[in-house]
Every structure is written in structure tokens, then in C-alpha cells.
Protein backbone atom coordinates (compact mmCIF):
# COMPACT_ATOMS: atom_id res chain seq x y z
CA ARG A 1 -3.00 12.77 -4.96
CA ARG A 2 -4.58 13.40 -8.49
CA ALA A 3 -7.97 11.38 -7.88
CA PRO A 4 -9.44 11.86 -3.82
CA VAL A 5 -12.38 11.35 -3.74
CA THR A 6 -11.89 7.59 -5.51
CA ARG A 7 -12.31 4.52 -3.41
CA PHE A 8 -10.70 1.21 -4.95
CA SER A 9 -13.10 -1.77 -6.53
CA THR A 10 -11.55 -4.89 -6.17
CA LEU A 11 -13.10 -6.02 -9.73
CA GLY A 12 -12.03 -2.44 -11.29
CA TRP A 13 -8.36 -2.51 -9.84
CA THR A 14 -6.31 -2.46 -13.60
CA VAL A 15 -9.04 0.10 -14.66
CA GLN A 16 -8.35 2.68 -12.09
CA THR A 17 -4.30 2.30 -11.99
CA GLY A 18 -3.96 1.99 -15.36
CA CYS A 19 -3.18 5.54 -15.70
CA GLN A 20 -1.51 5.99 -12.37
CA ASP A 21 1.64 8.58 -12.87
CA TRP A 22 0.90 9.02 -16.38
CA PRO A 23 3.53 11.51 -17.99
CA SER A 24 0.83 13.74 -18.55
CA GLU A 25 -1.99 16.78 -17.26
CA VAL A 26 -5.38 14.55 -16.53
CA SER A 27 -7.81 16.52 -19.92
CA ASN A 28 -11.26 16.06 -17.56
CA PRO A 29 -10.35 16.28 -14.07
CA GLN A 30 -13.07 15.45 -11.40
CA ARG A 31 -15.71 18.05 -10.33
CA ARG A 32 -18.65 17.81 -8.57
CA LEU A 33 -21.72 16.79 -10.53
CA HIS A 34 -24.16 19.72 -11.46
CA VAL A 35 -27.32 18.62 -13.24
CA ASP A 36 -29.91 21.23 -13.63
CA GLY A 37 -33.26 21.03 -15.56
CA THR A 38 -33.52 17.05 -16.29
CA PRO A 39 -36.37 14.83 -16.23
CA PRO A 40 -35.69 12.46 -12.84
CA ILE A 41 -32.95 10.24 -12.95
CA LEU A 42 -32.86 6.99 -11.95
CA MET A 43 -29.75 5.34 -10.13
CA THR A 44 -29.46 2.03 -8.81
CA ASN A 45 -26.71 0.27 -7.05
CA SER A 46 -26.23 -2.76 -4.69
CA ARG A 47 -25.18 -2.06 -1.11
CA PHE A 48 -22.28 -5.39 -1.86
CA ASP A 49 -21.81 -4.49 -5.40
CA PRO A 50 -18.05 -5.75 -5.92
CA ALA A 51 -17.41 -3.86 -9.60
CA THR A 52 -19.28 -0.30 -7.85
CA PRO A 53 -19.05 0.49 -4.48
CA TYR A 54 -22.35 1.52 -3.07
CA SER A 55 -20.46 4.43 -1.69
CA TRP A 56 -19.87 6.02 -5.46
CA GLY A 57 -24.19 6.03 -6.14
CA SER A 58 -25.14 7.06 -3.07
CA ASN A 59 -22.45 9.93 -3.30
CA ALA A 60 -22.86 11.16 -7.27
CA ALA A 61 -27.02 10.82 -6.38
CA ARG A 62 -26.64 13.16 -3.41
CA GLN A 63 -24.23 15.43 -5.98
CA ILE A 64 -27.13 15.17 -8.31
CA GLY A 65 -29.71 16.54 -5.70
CA ARG A 66 -33.15 16.53 -6.59
CA GLU A 67 -33.42 15.54 -9.66
CA ALA A 68 -31.76 11.99 -8.63
CA VAL A 69 -33.69 9.10 -6.98
CA LEU A 70 -31.08 6.38 -5.80
CA LEU A 71 -32.91 2.54 -6.36
CA THR A 72 -30.95 0.14 -3.79
CA TYR A 73 -30.72 -3.45 -4.04
CA ASP A 74 -29.49 -4.94 -0.24
CA GLY A 75 -27.39 -7.64 -1.66
CA VAL A 76 -24.74 -8.81 -3.80
CA GLY A 77 -24.32 -8.51 -7.08
CA HIS A 78 -23.42 -5.87 -10.35
CA GLY A 79 -26.56 -5.23 -12.39
CA ASP A 80 -29.56 -4.61 -10.03
CA TYR A 81 -31.97 -5.68 -13.31
CA TRP A 82 -31.03 -8.93 -13.28
CA LEU A 83 -30.87 -9.47 -9.66
CA SER A 84 -34.24 -8.66 -8.29
CA PRO A 85 -37.79 -8.67 -9.05
CA CYS A 86 -38.19 -4.97 -7.09
CA ALA A 87 -35.78 -3.77 -8.92
CA ARG A 88 -35.78 -4.88 -12.14
CA THR A 89 -40.29 -3.78 -11.97
CA ALA A 90 -38.93 -0.24 -10.90
CA ILE A 91 -36.64 -0.41 -13.60
CA ASP A 92 -39.18 -0.53 -16.02
CA THR A 93 -41.26 1.35 -15.10
CA TYR A 94 -39.02 3.91 -15.04
CA LEU A 95 -37.91 3.65 -18.88
CA THR A 96 -41.58 3.02 -19.60
CA THR A 97 -42.90 5.64 -17.74
CA LEU A 98 -40.02 8.44 -16.37
CA LYS A 99 -41.73 7.48 -12.58
CA THR A 100 -38.96 7.09 -9.86
CA PRO A 101 -39.70 4.78 -7.10
CA ALA A 102 -40.17 7.15 -3.81
CA LYS A 103 -36.36 7.99 -2.51
CA GLY A 104 -34.72 6.12 -0.35
CA THR A 105 -37.01 2.99 -1.88
CA HIS A 106 -35.13 -0.55 -1.46
CA CYS A 107 -35.04 -3.72 -2.57
CA PRO A 108 -34.94 -6.97 -0.18
CA ALA A 109 -32.09 -9.25 -1.22
CA VAL A 110 -32.66 -12.47 -2.84
CA TRP A 111 -30.38 -15.29 -3.00
CA PRO A 112 -29.62 -17.21 -6.28
CA THR A 113 -30.69 -21.21 -5.93
CA ALA A 114 -28.41 -23.75 -7.99
CA PRO A 115 -29.48 -24.91 -10.97
CA SER A 116 -31.31 -28.13 -10.75
CA ALA A 117 -28.90 -29.71 -13.43
CA GLN A 118 -26.45 -29.05 -16.18
CA ARG A 119 -27.51 -29.70 -19.68
CA GLN A 120 -25.49 -29.73 -23.01
CA SER A 121 -26.06 -27.52 -25.66
CA PRO A 122 -26.50 -28.83 -29.10
CA SER A 123 -22.25 -28.38 -29.85
CA GLY A 124 -22.01 -31.14 -26.75
CA ASP A 125 -20.65 -28.37 -23.90
CA LEU A 126 -22.01 -28.33 -20.49
CA VAL A 127 -24.44 -25.10 -19.94
CA ASN A 128 -25.81 -23.87 -16.58
CA PRO A 129 -29.06 -22.68 -17.94
CA LEU A 130 -29.59 -19.41 -16.87
CA PRO A 131 -33.05 -19.39 -14.19
CA ASP A 132 -36.68 -18.22 -16.15
CA LEU A 133 -36.93 -14.14 -14.77
CA VAL A 134 -40.36 -13.84 -15.90
CA GLY A 135 -43.14 -14.70 -13.48
CA THR A 136 -40.68 -16.78 -11.45
CA GLY A 137 -39.54 -14.22 -8.52
CA ALA A 138 -36.28 -14.95 -8.87
CA TYR A 139 -33.54 -16.85 -6.89
CA ARG A 140 -35.16 -17.22 -3.36
CA ARG A 141 -33.37 -18.41 -1.09
CA THR A 142 -34.16 -21.98 -0.38
CA ALA A 143 -31.81 -23.07 2.60
């Protein structure tokens, strides 16, 4: 096998199989990550991310070692920053101060609510408005 540690994501299937059996040598084979002498590295991953499985993030953080902190969002989706006010706060803090949350930090899952109504754009197209995420606690489960 050419990529023995790769686990497939259903959304990334074509990306990962597109070069399978390509008739040339691999110029950058998989190898263990080695990171040394960096500021703390904040990594984030959703427990149920359809594009980047949680096992990828946790394995990468484990390989990097003490420099890495994996912030876990216990919900569904890809792009934790937009999914969780907790993750957004931790990421903003990291980007402005390089301060990471404690190792093992989990952000609770939040559930989307249906938009109250569609609206029309100036061109007449129907638009599903994005929720106002600032200061709302975003995506609270209502049922």
C-alpha cells in the first residue's frame, strides 16, 4: 500500500484516490511529523467532521507532541470557527495572543436552528440568511 496510514473521508474520496496507481514514484512520501522549536500550535477538529476525520487531527497532534494543543469541537461539521462560539473564542485568543486552551479542551456541540424565513436578494433570488453569529451564542438547539 502506498498510503498505509490514510483513512478515507467520504467528502475527500476523489482527492485521495485521484493519484492512486499513478505511474511514477512518490516525491513526498508520508512520514512522521517532526516539529521543534515553534510557538504553541493550536489545532482544531470536530468529532464528526465529514471532510477531515477526528482521527487525523488527533494523530497529527500526538505526533507533533508538546508543541500542539488539539481543541476538540464535540459536534458535527467542518470549520469549527463558524460552528462553535467556544471554538471561535479559543481561536481568536490564540490568533491574537498565541495563548492556547488547556490540552484536552472540548467545546460542546451546538445545534443549528432553521432560518425563520427566506428573503429575496436585490436580484430576486431567494437567499437563506446566515445567522448573526456575533454575541448570539449561535446555533442553539430549540427542540
